[in-house]
Amino acid sequence: MKSHEFTDDDFKLFDCAIHDYIKLFGLTDWVVSVQHDQIGEGTMAQVQYKALGKSACFRLTKHTEFDYGLGTDPKRLALHEVLHLLLADFCETSAKLADSQHDLVIAREHEVIHKLMRVIQ
């Protein structure tokens, strides 16, 4: 299992990238906060949002242990999390229409995000 420490400099890159991608994707109507704190096992970054209230909190962990292929580049992690926000309304609507399929909607969301990340530099 690999481990990684995210430094204050990593957080600055993450924070800056979050705000850059928010502007790039036209998500400036969202109220956004960015934090650098310990998240949990195997999680490098995350976004928690309330689609109806258009508020989101992005987090970059301080330390993680992982055994999967996602890199530790703060800018790429920021892109991944902002793409969740880009798809938030779609996913929330889909999940509400088929509540029992919520996990399937989230899995499909990740498939779309990974495909987008292949072409977005």
C-alpha atoms as a PDB file:
ATOM      1  CA  MET A   1       0.000   0.000   0.000  1.00  0.00           C
ATOM      2  CA  LYS A   2       1.275   3.485  -0.905  1.00  0.00           C
ATOM      3  CA  SER A   3       1.117   6.492   1.382  1.00  0.00           C
ATOM      4  CA  HIS A   4       1.246  10.178   0.569  1.00  0.00           C
ATOM      5  CA  GLU A   5       1.413  13.448   2.516  1.00  0.00           C
ATOM      6  CA  PHE A   6      -0.249  16.548   1.053  1.00  0.00           C
ATOM      7  CA  THR A   7       1.718  19.644   2.061  1.00  0.00           C
ATOM      8  CA  ASP A   8       0.604  23.249   2.472  1.00  0.00           C
ATOM      9  CA  ASP A   9       2.041  23.908  -1.002  1.00  0.00           C
ATOM     10  CA  ASP A  10      -0.081  21.062  -2.387  1.00  0.00           C
ATOM     11  CA  PHE A  11      -3.117  22.639  -0.746  1.00  0.00           C
ATOM     12  CA  LYS A  12      -2.362  26.013  -2.340  1.00  0.00           C
ATOM     13  CA  LEU A  13      -2.228  24.329  -5.768  1.00  0.00           C
ATOM     14  CA  PHE A  14      -5.465  22.449  -5.025  1.00  0.00           C
ATOM     15  CA  ASP A  15      -7.249  25.602  -3.840  1.00  0.00           C
ATOM     16  CA  CYS A  16      -6.118  27.645  -6.838  1.00  0.00           C
ATOM     17  CA  ALA A  17      -7.060  24.866  -9.270  1.00  0.00           C
ATOM     18  CA  ILE A  18     -10.522  24.509  -7.692  1.00  0.00           C
ATOM     19  CA  HIS A  19     -11.244  28.201  -8.254  1.00  0.00           C
ATOM     20  CA  ASP A  20      -9.791  28.141 -11.781  1.00  0.00           C
ATOM     21  CA  TYR A  21     -11.938  25.153 -12.775  1.00  0.00           C
ATOM     22  CA  ILE A  22     -15.026  26.684 -11.145  1.00  0.00           C
ATOM     23  CA  LYS A  23     -14.612  29.684 -13.452  1.00  0.00           C
ATOM     24  CA  LEU A  24     -13.716  27.559 -16.495  1.00  0.00           C
ATOM     25  CA  PHE A  25     -16.841  25.409 -16.202  1.00  0.00           C
ATOM     26  CA  GLY A  26     -19.138  28.357 -15.407  1.00  0.00           C
ATOM     27  CA  LEU A  27     -19.964  27.236 -11.886  1.00  0.00           C
ATOM     28  CA  THR A  28     -19.528  30.660 -10.303  1.00  0.00           C
ATOM     29  CA  ASP A  29     -23.099  30.618  -8.951  1.00  0.00           C
ATOM     30  CA  TRP A  30     -21.947  28.050  -6.363  1.00  0.00           C
ATOM     31  CA  VAL A  31     -20.747  29.143  -2.901  1.00  0.00           C
ATOM     32  CA  VAL A  32     -17.473  27.264  -2.473  1.00  0.00           C
ATOM     33  CA  SER A  33     -15.126  26.599   0.437  1.00  0.00           C
ATOM     34  CA  VAL A  34     -11.845  24.673   0.307  1.00  0.00           C
ATOM     35  CA  GLN A  35     -10.267  22.915   3.290  1.00  0.00           C
ATOM     36  CA  HIS A  36      -7.074  21.008   4.043  1.00  0.00           C
ATOM     37  CA  ASP A  37      -7.761  18.444   6.752  1.00  0.00           C
ATOM     38  CA  GLN A  38      -7.712  14.720   7.369  1.00  0.00           C
ATOM     39  CA  ILE A  39     -10.542  13.061   5.457  1.00  0.00           C
ATOM     40  CA  GLY A  40     -10.434   9.308   5.916  1.00  0.00           C
ATOM     41  CA  GLU A  41      -8.938   6.049   4.775  1.00  0.00           C
ATOM     42  CA  GLY A  42      -8.056   5.904   1.097  1.00  0.00           C
ATOM     43  CA  THR A  43      -9.530   9.297   0.235  1.00  0.00           C
ATOM     44  CA  MET A  44      -7.280  11.998  -1.186  1.00  0.00           C
ATOM     45  CA  ALA A  45      -9.879  14.641  -1.981  1.00  0.00           C
ATOM     46  CA  GLN A  46     -13.626  15.015  -1.941  1.00  0.00           C
ATOM     47  CA  VAL A  47     -16.436  17.442  -2.533  1.00  0.00           C
ATOM     48  CA  GLN A  48     -19.576  17.539  -0.444  1.00  0.00           C
ATOM     49  CA  TYR A  49     -22.350  19.655  -1.888  1.00  0.00           C
ATOM     50  CA  LYS A  50     -25.947  20.709  -1.568  1.00  0.00           C
ATOM     51  CA  ALA A  51     -27.214  21.044  -5.129  1.00  0.00           C
ATOM     52  CA  LEU A  52     -30.402  22.851  -4.169  1.00  0.00           C
ATOM     53  CA  GLY A  53     -28.522  25.460  -2.116  1.00  0.00           C
ATOM     54  CA  LYS A  54     -25.612  25.635  -4.593  1.00  0.00           C
ATOM     55  CA  SER A  55     -23.009  25.239  -1.841  1.00  0.00           C
ATOM     56  CA  ALA A  56     -19.951  23.008  -1.920  1.00  0.00           C
ATOM     57  CA  CYS A  57     -17.028  22.175   0.333  1.00  0.00           C
ATOM     58  CA  PHE A  58     -13.890  20.774  -1.315  1.00  0.00           C
ATOM     59  CA  ARG A  59     -11.381  18.976   0.882  1.00  0.00           C
ATOM     60  CA  LEU A  60      -7.822  17.802   0.349  1.00  0.00           C
ATOM     61  CA  THR A  61      -6.599  15.296   2.907  1.00  0.00           C
ATOM     62  CA  LYS A  62      -3.328  15.649   4.782  1.00  0.00           C
ATOM     63  CA  HIS A  63      -2.276  11.991   4.701  1.00  0.00           C
ATOM     64  CA  THR A  64      -3.586   9.024   2.761  1.00  0.00           C
ATOM     65  CA  GLU A  65      -2.790   5.394   2.161  1.00  0.00           C
ATOM     66  CA  PHE A  66      -4.058   3.906  -1.073  1.00  0.00           C
ATOM     67  CA  ASP A  67      -3.625   1.042  -3.494  1.00  0.00           C
ATOM     68  CA  TYR A  68      -5.356   2.307  -6.616  1.00  0.00           C
ATOM     69  CA  GLY A  69      -4.152   4.161  -9.680  1.00  0.00           C
ATOM     70  CA  LEU A  70      -5.389   7.736  -9.169  1.00  0.00           C
ATOM     71  CA  GLY A  71      -2.389  10.054  -8.990  1.00  0.00           C
ATOM     72  CA  THR A  72      -1.584  12.516  -6.234  1.00  0.00           C
ATOM     73  CA  ASP A  73      -1.318  15.664  -8.392  1.00  0.00           C
ATOM     74  CA  PRO A  74      -3.367  18.328  -6.539  1.00  0.00           C
ATOM     75  CA  LYS A  75      -4.489  19.942  -9.807  1.00  0.00           C
ATOM     76  CA  ARG A  76      -5.810  16.643 -11.185  1.00  0.00           C
ATOM     77  CA  LEU A  77      -7.556  15.920  -7.892  1.00  0.00           C
ATOM     78  CA  ALA A  78      -9.144  19.384  -8.061  1.00  0.00           C
ATOM     79  CA  LEU A  79     -10.340  18.729 -11.606  1.00  0.00           C
ATOM     80  CA  HIS A  80     -11.889  15.422 -10.556  1.00  0.00           C
ATOM     81  CA  GLU A  81     -13.777  17.053  -7.684  1.00  0.00           C
ATOM     82  CA  VAL A  82     -14.976  20.034  -9.750  1.00  0.00           C
ATOM     83  CA  LEU A  83     -16.305  17.616 -12.365  1.00  0.00           C
ATOM     84  CA  HIS A  84     -18.476  16.137  -9.594  1.00  0.00           C
ATOM     85  CA  LEU A  85     -19.895  19.618  -9.100  1.00  0.00           C
ATOM     86  CA  LEU A  86     -20.406  20.058 -12.854  1.00  0.00           C
ATOM     87  CA  LEU A  87     -22.527  16.885 -12.863  1.00  0.00           C
ATOM     88  CA  ALA A  88     -24.229  17.547  -9.508  1.00  0.00           C
ATOM     89  CA  ASP A  89     -27.625  18.661 -10.779  1.00  0.00           C
ATOM     90  CA  PHE A  90     -27.787  15.835 -13.314  1.00  0.00           C
ATOM     91  CA  CYS A  91     -26.836  13.209 -10.732  1.00  0.00           C
ATOM     92  CA  GLU A  92     -29.192  14.548  -8.080  1.00  0.00           C
ATOM     93  CA  THR A  93     -32.078  14.516 -10.564  1.00  0.00           C
ATOM     94  CA  SER A  94     -31.218  11.011 -11.771  1.00  0.00           C
ATOM     95  CA  ALA A  95     -30.938   9.715  -8.230  1.00  0.00           C
ATOM     96  CA  LYS A  96     -34.312  11.206  -7.273  1.00  0.00           C
ATOM     97  CA  LEU A  97     -36.008   9.707 -10.317  1.00  0.00           C
ATOM     98  CA  ALA A  98     -34.704   6.246  -9.447  1.00  0.00           C
ATOM     99  CA  ASP A  99     -33.920   6.414  -5.740  1.00  0.00           C
ATOM    100  CA  SER A 100     -33.218   2.703  -5.426  1.00  0.00           C
ATOM    101  CA  GLN A 101     -30.517   3.064  -8.101  1.00  0.00           C
ATOM    102  CA  HIS A 102     -28.550   5.884  -6.401  1.00  0.00           C
ATOM    103  CA  ASP A 103     -25.314   3.837  -6.192  1.00  0.00           C
ATOM    104  CA  LEU A 104     -25.586   3.022  -9.882  1.00  0.00           C
ATOM    105  CA  VAL A 105     -25.979   6.729 -10.719  1.00  0.00           C
ATOM    106  CA  ILE A 106     -22.838   7.542  -8.707  1.00  0.00           C
ATOM    107  CA  ALA A 107     -20.904   4.748 -10.447  1.00  0.00           C
ATOM    108  CA  ARG A 108     -21.935   6.083 -13.864  1.00  0.00           C
ATOM    109  CA  GLU A 109     -20.982   9.602 -12.752  1.00  0.00           C
ATOM    110  CA  HIS A 110     -17.451   8.378 -12.007  1.00  0.00           C
ATOM    111  CA  GLU A 111     -17.254   6.693 -15.407  1.00  0.00           C
ATOM    112  CA  VAL A 112     -18.098  10.002 -17.116  1.00  0.00           C
ATOM    113  CA  ILE A 113     -15.621  11.915 -14.935  1.00  0.00           C
ATOM    114  CA  HIS A 114     -12.779   9.523 -15.752  1.00  0.00           C
ATOM    115  CA  LYS A 115     -13.530   9.833 -19.467  1.00  0.00           C
ATOM    116  CA  LEU A 116     -13.579  13.642 -19.247  1.00  0.00           C
ATOM    117  CA  MET A 117     -10.284  13.680 -17.350  1.00  0.00           C
ATOM    118  CA  ARG A 118      -8.605  11.815 -20.209  1.00  0.00           C
ATOM    119  CA  VAL A 119      -9.207  14.759 -22.549  1.00  0.00           C
ATOM    120  CA  ILE A 120      -9.061  17.725 -20.177  1.00  0.00           C
ATOM    121  CA  GLN A 121      -5.480  18.788 -19.497  1.00  0.00           C
END
